[in-house]
Amino acid sequence: MRVEIDEDRCCGAGMCVLAAPEVFGQRDEDGVVILLDAAPGEEQRAAVSDAIAQCPALAITLDGAG
């Protein structure tokens, strides 16, 4: 699985960090999402899917093939 983020869309809500803290972080200066793990293991799929669902800016996408 491969996670991608669109930093330009991110509004810094932090919902992704709460849902999947091992995959997402936030920049200190503006709260924009950063990827801690762009290719998390399958054990993180539910948490990443939850983060995607909770993102108010629709800034996170998932490619299940990688």
C-alpha atoms as a PDB file:
ATOM      1  CA  MET A   1       0.000   0.000   0.000  1.00  0.00           C
ATOM      2  CA  ARG A   2       1.232   3.486  -0.820  1.00  0.00           C
ATOM      3  CA  VAL A   3      -0.004   6.676   0.852  1.00  0.00           C
ATOM      4  CA  GLU A   4       0.184  10.052  -0.841  1.00  0.00           C
ATOM      5  CA  ILE A   5      -0.636  13.500   0.497  1.00  0.00           C
ATOM      6  CA  ASP A   6      -1.413  16.786  -1.193  1.00  0.00           C
ATOM      7  CA  GLU A   7       0.209  19.387   1.043  1.00  0.00           C
ATOM      8  CA  ASP A   8      -1.503  22.195  -0.878  1.00  0.00           C
ATOM      9  CA  ARG A   9      -4.930  20.833   0.087  1.00  0.00           C
ATOM     10  CA  CYS A  10      -4.084  20.137   3.740  1.00  0.00           C
ATOM     11  CA  CYS A  11      -5.779  22.473   6.212  1.00  0.00           C
ATOM     12  CA  GLY A  12      -3.832  21.228   9.249  1.00  0.00           C
ATOM     13  CA  ALA A  13      -6.798  19.727  11.100  1.00  0.00           C
ATOM     14  CA  GLY A  14      -4.644  16.865  12.404  1.00  0.00           C
ATOM     15  CA  MET A  15      -7.313  14.184  12.151  1.00  0.00           C
ATOM     16  CA  CYS A  16      -4.911  11.958  10.212  1.00  0.00           C
ATOM     17  CA  VAL A  17      -2.348  12.143  13.004  1.00  0.00           C
ATOM     18  CA  LEU A  18      -4.964  11.109  15.556  1.00  0.00           C
ATOM     19  CA  ALA A  19      -6.142   8.216  13.363  1.00  0.00           C
ATOM     20  CA  ALA A  20      -2.721   6.906  12.271  1.00  0.00           C
ATOM     21  CA  PRO A  21       0.125   8.463  14.292  1.00  0.00           C
ATOM     22  CA  GLU A  22       2.676   5.981  12.957  1.00  0.00           C
ATOM     23  CA  VAL A  23       1.975   7.101   9.389  1.00  0.00           C
ATOM     24  CA  PHE A  24       1.223  10.835   9.662  1.00  0.00           C
ATOM     25  CA  GLY A  25       2.752  13.781  11.463  1.00  0.00           C
ATOM     26  CA  GLN A  26       2.402  17.551  11.264  1.00  0.00           C
ATOM     27  CA  ARG A  27       4.869  20.333  10.586  1.00  0.00           C
ATOM     28  CA  ASP A  28       5.417  22.460  13.667  1.00  0.00           C
ATOM     29  CA  GLU A  29       5.307  25.767  11.830  1.00  0.00           C
ATOM     30  CA  ASP A  30       1.916  25.413  10.112  1.00  0.00           C
ATOM     31  CA  GLY A  31       0.356  22.053  11.030  1.00  0.00           C
ATOM     32  CA  VAL A  32       0.475  20.729   7.462  1.00  0.00           C
ATOM     33  CA  VAL A  33       0.583  16.933   7.255  1.00  0.00           C
ATOM     34  CA  ILE A  34       3.845  15.104   6.710  1.00  0.00           C
ATOM     35  CA  LEU A  35       4.243  11.444   5.854  1.00  0.00           C
ATOM     36  CA  LEU A  36       6.203   9.466   8.407  1.00  0.00           C
ATOM     37  CA  ASP A  37       5.693   6.244   6.420  1.00  0.00           C
ATOM     38  CA  ALA A  38       4.678   6.447   2.750  1.00  0.00           C
ATOM     39  CA  ALA A  39       4.478   2.658   2.455  1.00  0.00           C
ATOM     40  CA  PRO A  40       2.994   1.356   5.707  1.00  0.00           C
ATOM     41  CA  GLY A  41       2.335  -2.331   6.230  1.00  0.00           C
ATOM     42  CA  GLU A  42      -1.059  -3.947   5.863  1.00  0.00           C
ATOM     43  CA  GLU A  43      -1.531  -3.755   9.632  1.00  0.00           C
ATOM     44  CA  GLN A  44      -1.918   0.025   9.193  1.00  0.00           C
ATOM     45  CA  ARG A  45      -4.553  -0.187   6.435  1.00  0.00           C
ATOM     46  CA  ALA A  46      -7.557   0.323   8.741  1.00  0.00           C
ATOM     47  CA  ALA A  47      -5.928   3.294  10.472  1.00  0.00           C
ATOM     48  CA  VAL A  48      -4.935   4.908   7.156  1.00  0.00           C
ATOM     49  CA  SER A  49      -8.433   4.354   5.758  1.00  0.00           C
ATOM     50  CA  ASP A  50      -9.837   6.008   8.874  1.00  0.00           C
ATOM     51  CA  ALA A  51      -7.464   8.957   8.402  1.00  0.00           C
ATOM     52  CA  ILE A  52      -8.596   9.321   4.784  1.00  0.00           C
ATOM     53  CA  ALA A  53     -12.250   9.262   5.806  1.00  0.00           C
ATOM     54  CA  GLN A  54     -11.697  11.895   8.505  1.00  0.00           C
ATOM     55  CA  CYS A  55      -9.616  14.307   6.416  1.00  0.00           C
ATOM     56  CA  PRO A  56     -11.760  17.431   5.896  1.00  0.00           C
ATOM     57  CA  ALA A  57      -9.555  18.611   3.006  1.00  0.00           C
ATOM     58  CA  LEU A  58      -9.450  15.277   1.140  1.00  0.00           C
ATOM     59  CA  ALA A  59      -5.653  15.614   1.067  1.00  0.00           C
ATOM     60  CA  ILE A  60      -4.809  11.904   1.500  1.00  0.00           C
ATOM     61  CA  THR A  61      -4.974   9.177  -1.133  1.00  0.00           C
ATOM     62  CA  LEU A  62      -4.167   5.482  -0.992  1.00  0.00           C
ATOM     63  CA  ASP A  63      -2.874   3.130  -3.654  1.00  0.00           C
ATOM     64  CA  GLY A  64      -3.530  -0.410  -2.465  1.00  0.00           C
ATOM     65  CA  ALA A  65      -1.274  -2.063  -5.003  1.00  0.00           C
ATOM     66  CA  GLY A  66       2.067  -0.950  -3.587  1.00  0.00           C
END
